[in-house]
Amino acid sequence: MAEEWRSKNLDTVQRLRGQHFIRKPYSAYRPDWDHDHCAVCWVKLMEPNVSGEGIIHEGYAVTADYPHGADYEWICPDCFELGKDQMNWRDVT
């Protein structure tokens, strides 16, 4: 069921179609941000020194060629694997 839900949510992130991503530990985009969410499933990404239920610390971040720059958008590993072919995502890690 979760995979089906994630697949349906890929339609909501067309802005990310064809983007390049790097898998890495989460780091805040700006000093005043403390977390991001996976653009597909909304799981919370936070820096490795923060713990809590439902938080992940690593994912796929867009590269500097994204219009807002590197690390502006994040995809969790599960959603990346599910959507990489359909969305033409490239892992350039």
PDB file of N, CA and C in Angstrom:
ATOM      1  N   MET A   1       0.816  -1.195   0.000  1.00  0.00           N
ATOM      2  CA  MET A   1       0.000   0.000   0.000  1.00  0.00           C
ATOM      3  C   MET A   1       0.862   1.262   0.000  1.00  0.00           C
ATOM      4  N   ALA A   2       1.904   1.280   0.809  1.00  0.00           N
ATOM      5  CA  ALA A   2       2.763   2.467   0.885  1.00  0.00           C
ATOM      6  C   ALA A   2       3.432   2.749  -0.459  1.00  0.00           C
ATOM      7  N   GLU A   3       3.837   1.706  -1.156  1.00  0.00           N
ATOM      8  CA  GLU A   3       4.484   1.896  -2.457  1.00  0.00           C
ATOM      9  C   GLU A   3       3.496   2.490  -3.464  1.00  0.00           C
ATOM     10  N   GLU A   4       2.259   2.038  -3.431  1.00  0.00           N
ATOM     11  CA  GLU A   4       1.237   2.576  -4.330  1.00  0.00           C
ATOM     12  C   GLU A   4       0.997   4.058  -4.042  1.00  0.00           C
ATOM     13  N   TRP A   5       0.944   4.422  -2.774  1.00  0.00           N
ATOM     14  CA  TRP A   5       0.748   5.815  -2.376  1.00  0.00           C
ATOM     15  C   TRP A   5       1.912   6.684  -2.848  1.00  0.00           C
ATOM     16  N   ARG A   6       3.134   6.189  -2.672  1.00  0.00           N
ATOM     17  CA  ARG A   6       4.313   6.926  -3.129  1.00  0.00           C
ATOM     18  C   ARG A   6       4.271   7.110  -4.653  1.00  0.00           C
ATOM     19  N   SER A   7       3.915   6.062  -5.362  1.00  0.00           N
ATOM     20  CA  SER A   7       3.847   6.141  -6.826  1.00  0.00           C
ATOM     21  C   SER A   7       2.866   7.221  -7.275  1.00  0.00           C
ATOM     22  N   LYS A   8       1.726   7.287  -6.641  1.00  0.00           N
ATOM     23  CA  LYS A   8       0.742   8.323  -6.981  1.00  0.00           C
ATOM     24  C   LYS A   8       1.280   9.724  -6.694  1.00  0.00           C
ATOM     25  N   ASN A   9       2.054   9.865  -5.626  1.00  0.00           N
ATOM     26  CA  ASN A   9       2.598  11.173  -5.266  1.00  0.00           C
ATOM     27  C   ASN A   9       3.673  11.666  -6.230  1.00  0.00           C
ATOM     28  N   LEU A  10       4.240  10.785  -7.028  1.00  0.00           N
ATOM     29  CA  LEU A  10       5.242  11.222  -8.005  1.00  0.00           C
ATOM     30  C   LEU A  10       4.658  12.254  -8.966  1.00  0.00           C
ATOM     31  N   ASP A  11       3.363  12.186  -9.216  1.00  0.00           N
ATOM     32  CA  ASP A  11       2.725  13.170 -10.095  1.00  0.00           C
ATOM     33  C   ASP A  11       2.799  14.583  -9.534  1.00  0.00           C
ATOM     34  N   THR A  12       2.963  14.711  -8.229  1.00  0.00           N
ATOM     35  CA  THR A  12       2.984  16.036  -7.600  1.00  0.00           C
ATOM     36  C   THR A  12       4.359  16.699  -7.651  1.00  0.00           C
ATOM     37  N   VAL A  13       5.369  15.991  -8.133  1.00  0.00           N
ATOM     38  CA  VAL A  13       6.730  16.539  -8.138  1.00  0.00           C
ATOM     39  C   VAL A  13       7.299  16.617  -9.554  1.00  0.00           C
ATOM     40  N   GLN A  14       6.481  16.995 -10.496  1.00  0.00           N
ATOM     41  CA  GLN A  14       6.943  17.097 -11.886  1.00  0.00           C
ATOM     42  C   GLN A  14       8.100  18.088 -12.029  1.00  0.00           C
ATOM     43  N   ARG A  15       8.210  19.052 -11.120  1.00  0.00           N
ATOM     44  CA  ARG A  15       9.322  20.013 -11.158  1.00  0.00           C
ATOM     45  C   ARG A  15      10.679  19.323 -11.003  1.00  0.00           C
ATOM     46  N   LEU A  16      10.655  18.092 -10.484  1.00  0.00           N
ATOM     47  CA  LEU A  16      11.899  17.351 -10.260  1.00  0.00           C
ATOM     48  C   LEU A  16      12.220  16.362 -11.373  1.00  0.00           C
ATOM     49  N   ARG A  17      11.359  16.280 -12.374  1.00  0.00           N
ATOM     50  CA  ARG A  17      11.588  15.342 -13.481  1.00  0.00           C
ATOM     51  C   ARG A  17      12.931  15.665 -14.152  1.00  0.00           C
ATOM     52  N   GLY A  18      13.745  14.608 -14.339  1.00  0.00           N
ATOM     53  CA  GLY A  18      15.024  14.744 -15.029  1.00  0.00           C
ATOM     54  C   GLY A  18      16.146  15.355 -14.208  1.00  0.00           C
ATOM     55  N   GLN A  19      15.931  15.576 -12.930  1.00  0.00           N
ATOM     56  CA  GLN A  19      16.963  16.199 -12.100  1.00  0.00           C
ATOM     57  C   GLN A  19      18.065  15.206 -11.721  1.00  0.00           C
ATOM     58  N   HIS A  20      19.210  15.760 -11.390  1.00  0.00           N
ATOM     59  CA  HIS A  20      20.341  14.997 -10.872  1.00  0.00           C
ATOM     60  C   HIS A  20      20.332  15.113  -9.353  1.00  0.00           C
ATOM     61  N   PHE A  21      20.689  14.020  -8.692  1.00  0.00           N
ATOM     62  CA  PHE A  21      20.694  13.971  -7.231  1.00  0.00           C
ATOM     63  C   PHE A  21      21.992  13.372  -6.725  1.00  0.00           C
ATOM     64  N   ILE A  22      22.355  13.764  -5.517  1.00  0.00           N
ATOM     65  CA  ILE A  22      23.504  13.200  -4.809  1.00  0.00           C
ATOM     66  C   ILE A  22      22.992  12.627  -3.494  1.00  0.00           C
ATOM     67  N   ARG A  23      23.346  11.369  -3.211  1.00  0.00           N
ATOM     68  CA  ARG A  23      22.967  10.777  -1.924  1.00  0.00           C
ATOM     69  C   ARG A  23      23.980  11.216  -0.887  1.00  0.00           C
ATOM     70  N   LYS A  24      23.467  11.746   0.219  1.00  0.00           N
ATOM     71  CA  LYS A  24      24.361  12.243   1.265  1.00  0.00           C
ATOM     72  C   LYS A  24      23.601  12.462   2.563  1.00  0.00           C
ATOM     73  N   PRO A  25      24.347  12.685   3.657  1.00  0.00           N
ATOM     74  CA  PRO A  25      23.694  13.024   4.910  1.00  0.00           C
ATOM     75  C   PRO A  25      22.986  14.379   4.769  1.00  0.00           C
ATOM     76  N   TYR A  26      21.866  14.519   5.443  1.00  0.00           N
ATOM     77  CA  TYR A  26      21.121  15.773   5.371  1.00  0.00           C
ATOM     78  C   TYR A  26      21.912  16.912   6.000  1.00  0.00           C
ATOM     79  N   SER A  27      21.859  18.052   5.364  1.00  0.00           N
ATOM     80  CA  SER A  27      22.362  19.298   5.951  1.00  0.00           C
ATOM     81  C   SER A  27      21.397  20.396   5.533  1.00  0.00           C
ATOM     82  N   ALA A  28      21.141  21.299   6.442  1.00  0.00           N
ATOM     83  CA  ALA A  28      20.150  22.344   6.211  1.00  0.00           C
ATOM     84  C   ALA A  28      20.541  23.233   5.036  1.00  0.00           C
ATOM     85  N   TYR A  29      19.544  23.613   4.263  1.00  0.00           N
ATOM     86  CA  TYR A  29      19.743  24.475   3.094  1.00  0.00           C
ATOM     87  C   TYR A  29      20.203  25.869   3.517  1.00  0.00           C
ATOM     88  N   ARG A  30      19.641  26.373   4.589  1.00  0.00           N
ATOM     89  CA  ARG A  30      20.011  27.684   5.142  1.00  0.00           C
ATOM     90  C   ARG A  30      20.116  27.551   6.659  1.00  0.00           C
ATOM     91  N   PRO A  31      20.838  28.459   7.304  1.00  0.00           N
ATOM     92  CA  PRO A  31      20.985  28.365   8.763  1.00  0.00           C
ATOM     93  C   PRO A  31      19.660  28.426   9.528  1.00  0.00           C
ATOM     94  N   ASP A  32      18.645  29.062   8.964  1.00  0.00           N
ATOM     95  CA  ASP A  32      17.376  29.176   9.687  1.00  0.00           C
ATOM     96  C   ASP A  32      16.423  28.011   9.415  1.00  0.00           C
ATOM     97  N   TRP A  33      16.875  27.007   8.670  1.00  0.00           N
ATOM     98  CA  TRP A  33      16.079  25.791   8.441  1.00  0.00           C
ATOM     99  C   TRP A  33      16.621  24.696   9.337  1.00  0.00           C
ATOM    100  N   ASP A  34      15.731  23.942   9.982  1.00  0.00           N
ATOM    101  CA  ASP A  34      16.225  22.830  10.801  1.00  0.00           C
ATOM    102  C   ASP A  34      15.862  21.477  10.211  1.00  0.00           C
ATOM    103  N   HIS A  35      15.042  21.460   9.159  1.00  0.00           N
ATOM    104  CA  HIS A  35      14.686  20.194   8.537  1.00  0.00           C
ATOM    105  C   HIS A  35      14.119  20.432   7.141  1.00  0.00           C
ATOM    106  N   ASP A  36      13.978  19.360   6.414  1.00  0.00           N
ATOM    107  CA  ASP A  36      13.290  19.341   5.130  1.00  0.00           C
ATOM    108  C   ASP A  36      12.405  18.107   5.139  1.00  0.00           C
ATOM    109  N   HIS A  37      11.614  17.979   4.088  1.00  0.00           N
ATOM    110  CA  HIS A  37      10.773  16.802   3.919  1.00  0.00           C
ATOM    111  C   HIS A  37      11.067  16.193   2.558  1.00  0.00           C
ATOM    112  N   CYS A  38      10.918  14.882   2.464  1.00  0.00           N
ATOM    113  CA  CYS A  38      10.977  14.230   1.161  1.00  0.00           C
ATOM    114  C   CYS A  38       9.874  14.855   0.313  1.00  0.00           C
ATOM    115  N   ALA A  39      10.219  15.248  -0.886  1.00  0.00           N
ATOM    116  CA  ALA A  39       9.255  15.905  -1.773  1.00  0.00           C
ATOM    117  C   ALA A  39       8.119  14.976  -2.174  1.00  0.00           C
ATOM    118  N   VAL A  40       8.306  13.667  -2.018  1.00  0.00           N
ATOM    119  CA  VAL A  40       7.285  12.703  -2.431  1.00  0.00           C
ATOM    120  C   VAL A  40       6.427  12.249  -1.250  1.00  0.00           C
ATOM    121  N   CYS A  41       7.053  11.747  -0.193  1.00  0.00           N
ATOM    122  CA  CYS A  41       6.281  11.134   0.905  1.00  0.00           C
ATOM    123  C   CYS A  41       6.230  11.989   2.162  1.00  0.00           C
ATOM    124  N   TRP A  42       6.969  13.044   2.208  1.00  0.00           N
ATOM    125  CA  TRP A  42       6.990  14.001   3.323  1.00  0.00           C
ATOM    126  C   TRP A  42       7.644  13.480   4.599  1.00  0.00           C
ATOM    127  N   VAL A  43       8.416  12.405   4.520  1.00  0.00           N
ATOM    128  CA  VAL A  43       9.179  11.998   5.697  1.00  0.00           C
ATOM    129  C   VAL A  43      10.136  13.139   6.030  1.00  0.00           C
ATOM    130  N   LYS A  44      10.413  13.336   7.306  1.00  0.00           N
ATOM    131  CA  LYS A  44      11.251  14.446   7.763  1.00  0.00           C
ATOM    132  C   LYS A  44      12.725  14.063   7.714  1.00  0.00           C
ATOM    133  N   LEU A  45      13.536  14.935   7.112  1.00  0.00           N
ATOM    134  CA  LEU A  45      14.993  14.784   7.099  1.00  0.00           C
ATOM    135  C   LEU A  45      15.577  15.838   8.027  1.00  0.00           C
ATOM    136  N   MET A  46      16.471  15.396   8.916  1.00  0.00           N
ATOM    137  CA  MET A  46      17.138  16.311   9.835  1.00  0.00           C
ATOM    138  C   MET A  46      18.609  15.924   9.937  1.00  0.00           C
ATOM    139  N   GLU A  47      19.396  16.832  10.473  1.00  0.00           N
ATOM    140  CA  GLU A  47      20.824  16.580  10.602  1.00  0.00           C
ATOM    141  C   GLU A  47      21.074  15.404  11.543  1.00  0.00           C
ATOM    142  N   PRO A  48      22.202  14.706  11.333  1.00  0.00           N
ATOM    143  CA  PRO A  48      22.477  13.466  12.070  1.00  0.00           C
ATOM    144  C   PRO A  48      22.479  13.601  13.597  1.00  0.00           C
ATOM    145  N   ASN A  49      22.701  14.788  14.120  1.00  0.00           N
ATOM    146  CA  ASN A  49      22.745  14.954  15.576  1.00  0.00           C
ATOM    147  C   ASN A  49      21.352  15.077  16.200  1.00  0.00           C
ATOM    148  N   VAL A  50      20.292  15.034  15.401  1.00  0.00           N
ATOM    149  CA  VAL A  50      18.921  15.135  15.890  1.00  0.00           C
ATOM    150  C   VAL A  50      18.273  13.759  15.804  1.00  0.00           C
ATOM    151  N   SER A  51      17.617  13.352  16.872  1.00  0.00           N
ATOM    152  CA  SER A  51      16.952  12.047  16.835  1.00  0.00           C
ATOM    153  C   SER A  51      15.467  12.228  17.118  1.00  0.00           C
ATOM    154  N   GLY A  52      14.721  11.247  16.719  1.00  0.00           N
ATOM    155  CA  GLY A  52      13.286  11.274  16.955  1.00  0.00           C
ATOM    156  C   GLY A  52      12.590  10.284  16.053  1.00  0.00           C
ATOM    157  N   GLU A  53      11.371   9.990  16.392  1.00  0.00           N
ATOM    158  CA  GLU A  53      10.597   9.025  15.628  1.00  0.00           C
ATOM    159  C   GLU A  53      10.248   9.588  14.255  1.00  0.00           C
ATOM    160  N   GLY A  54      10.442   8.761  13.226  1.00  0.00           N
ATOM    161  CA  GLY A  54      10.072   9.155  11.874  1.00  0.00           C
ATOM    162  C   GLY A  54      11.042  10.100  11.185  1.00  0.00           C
ATOM    163  N   ILE A  55      12.207  10.314  11.771  1.00  0.00           N
ATOM    164  CA  ILE A  55      13.217  11.205  11.192  1.00  0.00           C
ATOM    165  C   ILE A  55      14.268  10.355  10.491  1.00  0.00           C
ATOM    166  N   ILE A  56      14.672  10.782   9.303  1.00  0.00           N
ATOM    167  CA  ILE A  56      15.806  10.139   8.634  1.00  0.00           C
ATOM    168  C   ILE A  56      16.917  11.165   8.492  1.00  0.00           C
ATOM    169  N   HIS A  57      18.127  10.689   8.293  1.00  0.00           N
ATOM    170  CA  HIS A  57      19.297  11.564   8.294  1.00  0.00           C
ATOM    171  C   HIS A  57      20.059  11.582   6.984  1.00  0.00           C
ATOM    172  N   GLU A  58      19.589  10.831   6.018  1.00  0.00           N
ATOM    173  CA  GLU A  58      20.284  10.751   4.730  1.00  0.00           C
ATOM    174  C   GLU A  58      19.242  10.621   3.628  1.00  0.00           C
ATOM    175  N   GLY A  59      19.551  11.220   2.494  1.00  0.00           N
ATOM    176  CA  GLY A  59      18.652  11.115   1.359  1.00  0.00           C
ATOM    177  C   GLY A  59      19.348  11.580   0.096  1.00  0.00           C
ATOM    178  N   TYR A  60      18.549  11.891  -0.903  1.00  0.00           N
ATOM    179  CA  TYR A  60      19.057  12.365  -2.188  1.00  0.00           C
ATOM    180  C   TYR A  60      18.712  13.840  -2.323  1.00  0.00           C
ATOM    181  N   ALA A  61      19.726  14.670  -2.496  1.00  0.00           N
ATOM    182  CA  ALA A  61      19.541  16.110  -2.641  1.00  0.00           C
ATOM    183  C   ALA A  61      19.795  16.517  -4.094  1.00  0.00           C
ATOM    184  N   VAL A  62      19.010  17.490  -4.561  1.00  0.00           N
ATOM    185  CA  VAL A  62      19.258  18.003  -5.911  1.00  0.00           C
ATOM    186  C   VAL A  62      20.644  18.638  -5.960  1.00  0.00           C
ATOM    187  N   THR A  63      21.193  18.697  -7.155  1.00  0.00           N
ATOM    188  CA  THR A  63      22.533  19.264  -7.356  1.00  0.00           C
ATOM    189  C   THR A  63      22.432  20.758  -7.665  1.00  0.00           C
ATOM    190  N   ALA A  64      23.572  21.376  -7.867  1.00  0.00           N
ATOM    191  CA  ALA A  64      23.640  22.816  -8.113  1.00  0.00           C
ATOM    192  C   ALA A  64      22.948  23.243  -9.405  1.00  0.00           C
ATOM    193  N   ASP A  65      22.674  22.314 -10.304  1.00  0.00           N
ATOM    194  CA  ASP A  65      21.994  22.706 -11.546  1.00  0.00           C
ATOM    195  C   ASP A  65      20.488  22.899 -11.357  1.00  0.00           C
ATOM    196  N   TYR A  66      19.948  22.604 -10.181  1.00  0.00           N
ATOM    197  CA  TYR A  66      18.537  22.859  -9.898  1.00  0.00           C
ATOM    198  C   TYR A  66      18.338  24.369  -9.787  1.00  0.00           C
ATOM    199  N   PRO A  67      17.219  24.922 -10.272  1.00  0.00           N
ATOM    200  CA  PRO A  67      17.023  26.384 -10.260  1.00  0.00           C
ATOM    201  C   PRO A  67      17.252  27.070  -8.912  1.00  0.00           C
ATOM    202  N   HIS A  68      16.916  26.410  -7.808  1.00  0.00           N
ATOM    203  CA  HIS A  68      17.134  27.014  -6.484  1.00  0.00           C
ATOM    204  C   HIS A  68      18.476  26.619  -5.876  1.00  0.00           C
ATOM    205  N   GLY A  69      19.244  25.810  -6.574  1.00  0.00           N
ATOM    206  CA  GLY A  69      20.563  25.416  -6.106  1.00  0.00           C
ATOM    207  C   GLY A  69      20.584  24.070  -5.414  1.00  0.00           C
ATOM    208  N   ALA A  70      21.789  23.660  -5.087  1.00  0.00           N
ATOM    209  CA  ALA A  70      22.013  22.362  -4.436  1.00  0.00           C
ATOM    210  C   ALA A  70      21.308  22.285  -3.092  1.00  0.00           C
ATOM    211  N   ASP A  71      20.821  21.109  -2.777  1.00  0.00           N
ATOM    212  CA  ASP A  71      20.217  20.792  -1.480  1.00  0.00           C
ATOM    213  C   ASP A  71      18.862  21.459  -1.232  1.00  0.00           C
ATOM    214  N   TYR A  72      18.284  22.079  -2.238  1.00  0.00           N
ATOM    215  CA  TYR A  72      16.997  22.748  -2.041  1.00  0.00           C
ATOM    216  C   TYR A  72      15.849  21.746  -1.938  1.00  0.00           C
ATOM    217  N   GLU A  73      15.938  20.647  -2.655  1.00  0.00           N
ATOM    218  CA  GLU A  73      14.909  19.604  -2.639  1.00  0.00           C
ATOM    219  C   GLU A  73      15.556  18.284  -2.246  1.00  0.00           C
ATOM    220  N   TRP A  74      14.831  17.485  -1.470  1.00  0.00           N
ATOM    221  CA  TRP A  74      15.317  16.193  -1.004  1.00  0.00           C
ATOM    222  C   TRP A  74      14.314  15.101  -1.328  1.00  0.00           C
ATOM    223  N   ILE A  75      14.831  13.905  -1.600  1.00  0.00           N
ATOM    224  CA  ILE A  75      14.029  12.716  -1.820  1.00  0.00           C
ATOM    225  C   ILE A  75      14.582  11.633  -0.895  1.00  0.00           C
ATOM    226  N   CYS A  76      13.706  10.953  -0.166  1.00  0.00           N
ATOM    227  CA  CYS A  76      14.186   9.872   0.706  1.00  0.00           C
ATOM    228  C   CYS A  76      14.649   8.696  -0.157  1.00  0.00           C
ATOM    229  N   PRO A  77      15.500   7.829   0.378  1.00  0.00           N
ATOM    230  CA  PRO A  77      15.999   6.693  -0.408  1.00  0.00           C
ATOM    231  C   PRO A  77      14.892   5.793  -0.967  1.00  0.00           C
ATOM    232  N   ASP A  78      13.847   5.538  -0.190  1.00  0.00           N
ATOM    233  CA  ASP A  78      12.772   4.671  -0.680  1.00  0.00           C
ATOM    234  C   ASP A  78      12.057   5.287  -1.876  1.00  0.00           C
ATOM    235  N   CYS A  79      11.729   6.560  -1.797  1.00  0.00           N
ATOM    236  CA  CYS A  79      11.042   7.225  -2.908  1.00  0.00           C
ATOM    237  C   CYS A  79      11.957   7.365  -4.123  1.00  0.00           C
ATOM    238  N   PHE A  80      13.256   7.587  -3.881  1.00  0.00           N
ATOM    239  CA  PHE A  80      14.180   7.689  -5.004  1.00  0.00           C
ATOM    240  C   PHE A  80      14.217   6.375  -5.780  1.00  0.00           C
ATOM    241  N   GLU A  81      14.340   5.267  -5.071  1.00  0.00           N
ATOM    242  CA  GLU A  81      14.385   3.963  -5.735  1.00  0.00           C
ATOM    243  C   GLU A  81      13.088   3.692  -6.495  1.00  0.00           C
ATOM    244  N   LEU A  82      11.987   4.032  -5.903  1.00  0.00           N
ATOM    245  CA  LEU A  82      10.699   3.793  -6.535  1.00  0.00           C
ATOM    246  C   LEU A  82      10.498   4.655  -7.782  1.00  0.00           C
ATOM    247  N   GLY A  83      10.940   5.910  -7.721  1.00  0.00           N
ATOM    248  CA  GLY A  83      10.627   6.841  -8.800  1.00  0.00           C
ATOM    249  C   GLY A  83      11.722   7.163  -9.789  1.00  0.00           C
ATOM    250  N   LYS A  84      12.924   6.638  -9.587  1.00  0.00           N
ATOM    251  CA  LYS A  84      14.053   7.062 -10.420  1.00  0.00           C
ATOM    252  C   LYS A  84      13.840   6.812 -11.907  1.00  0.00           C
ATOM    253  N   ASP A  85      13.257   5.696 -12.285  1.00  0.00           N
ATOM    254  CA  ASP A  85      13.054   5.416 -13.707  1.00  0.00           C
ATOM    255  C   ASP A  85      11.900   6.242 -14.279  1.00  0.00           C
ATOM    256  N   GLN A  86      10.797   6.253 -13.575  1.00  0.00           N
ATOM    257  CA  GLN A  86       9.622   6.997 -14.035  1.00  0.00           C
ATOM    258  C   GLN A  86       9.904   8.496 -14.150  1.00  0.00           C
ATOM    259  N   MET A  87      10.704   9.031 -13.221  1.00  0.00           N
ATOM    260  CA  MET A  87      10.965  10.467 -13.194  1.00  0.00           C
ATOM    261  C   MET A  87      12.279  10.852 -13.880  1.00  0.00           C
ATOM    262  N   ASN A  88      12.995   9.854 -14.387  1.00  0.00           N
ATOM    263  CA  ASN A  88      14.271  10.086 -15.057  1.00  0.00           C
ATOM    264  C   ASN A  88      15.265  10.794 -14.123  1.00  0.00           C
ATOM    265  N   TRP A  89      15.293  10.354 -12.867  1.00  0.00           N
ATOM    266  CA  TRP A  89      16.239  10.899 -11.900  1.00  0.00           C
ATOM    267  C   TRP A  89      17.585  10.217 -12.084  1.00  0.00           C
ATOM    268  N   ARG A  90      18.651  10.998 -11.939  1.00  0.00           N
ATOM    269  CA  ARG A  90      20.001  10.451 -12.075  1.00  0.00           C
ATOM    270  C   ARG A  90      20.747  10.605 -10.766  1.00  0.00           C
ATOM    271  N   ASP A  91      21.307   9.514 -10.287  1.00  0.00           N
ATOM    272  CA  ASP A  91      22.154   9.529  -9.107  1.00  0.00           C
ATOM    273  C   ASP A  91      23.570   9.835  -9.572  1.00  0.00           C
ATOM    274  N   VAL A  92      24.073  11.008  -9.239  1.00  0.00           N
ATOM    275  CA  VAL A  92      25.415  11.423  -9.647  1.00  0.00           C
ATOM    276  C   VAL A  92      26.356  11.471  -8.440  1.00  0.00           C
ATOM    277  N   THR A  93      26.039  10.668  -7.442  1.00  0.00           N
ATOM    278  CA  THR A  93      26.843  10.608  -6.221  1.00  0.00           C
ATOM    279  C   THR A  93      28.277  10.261  -6.566  1.00  0.00           C
TER     280      THR A  93
END
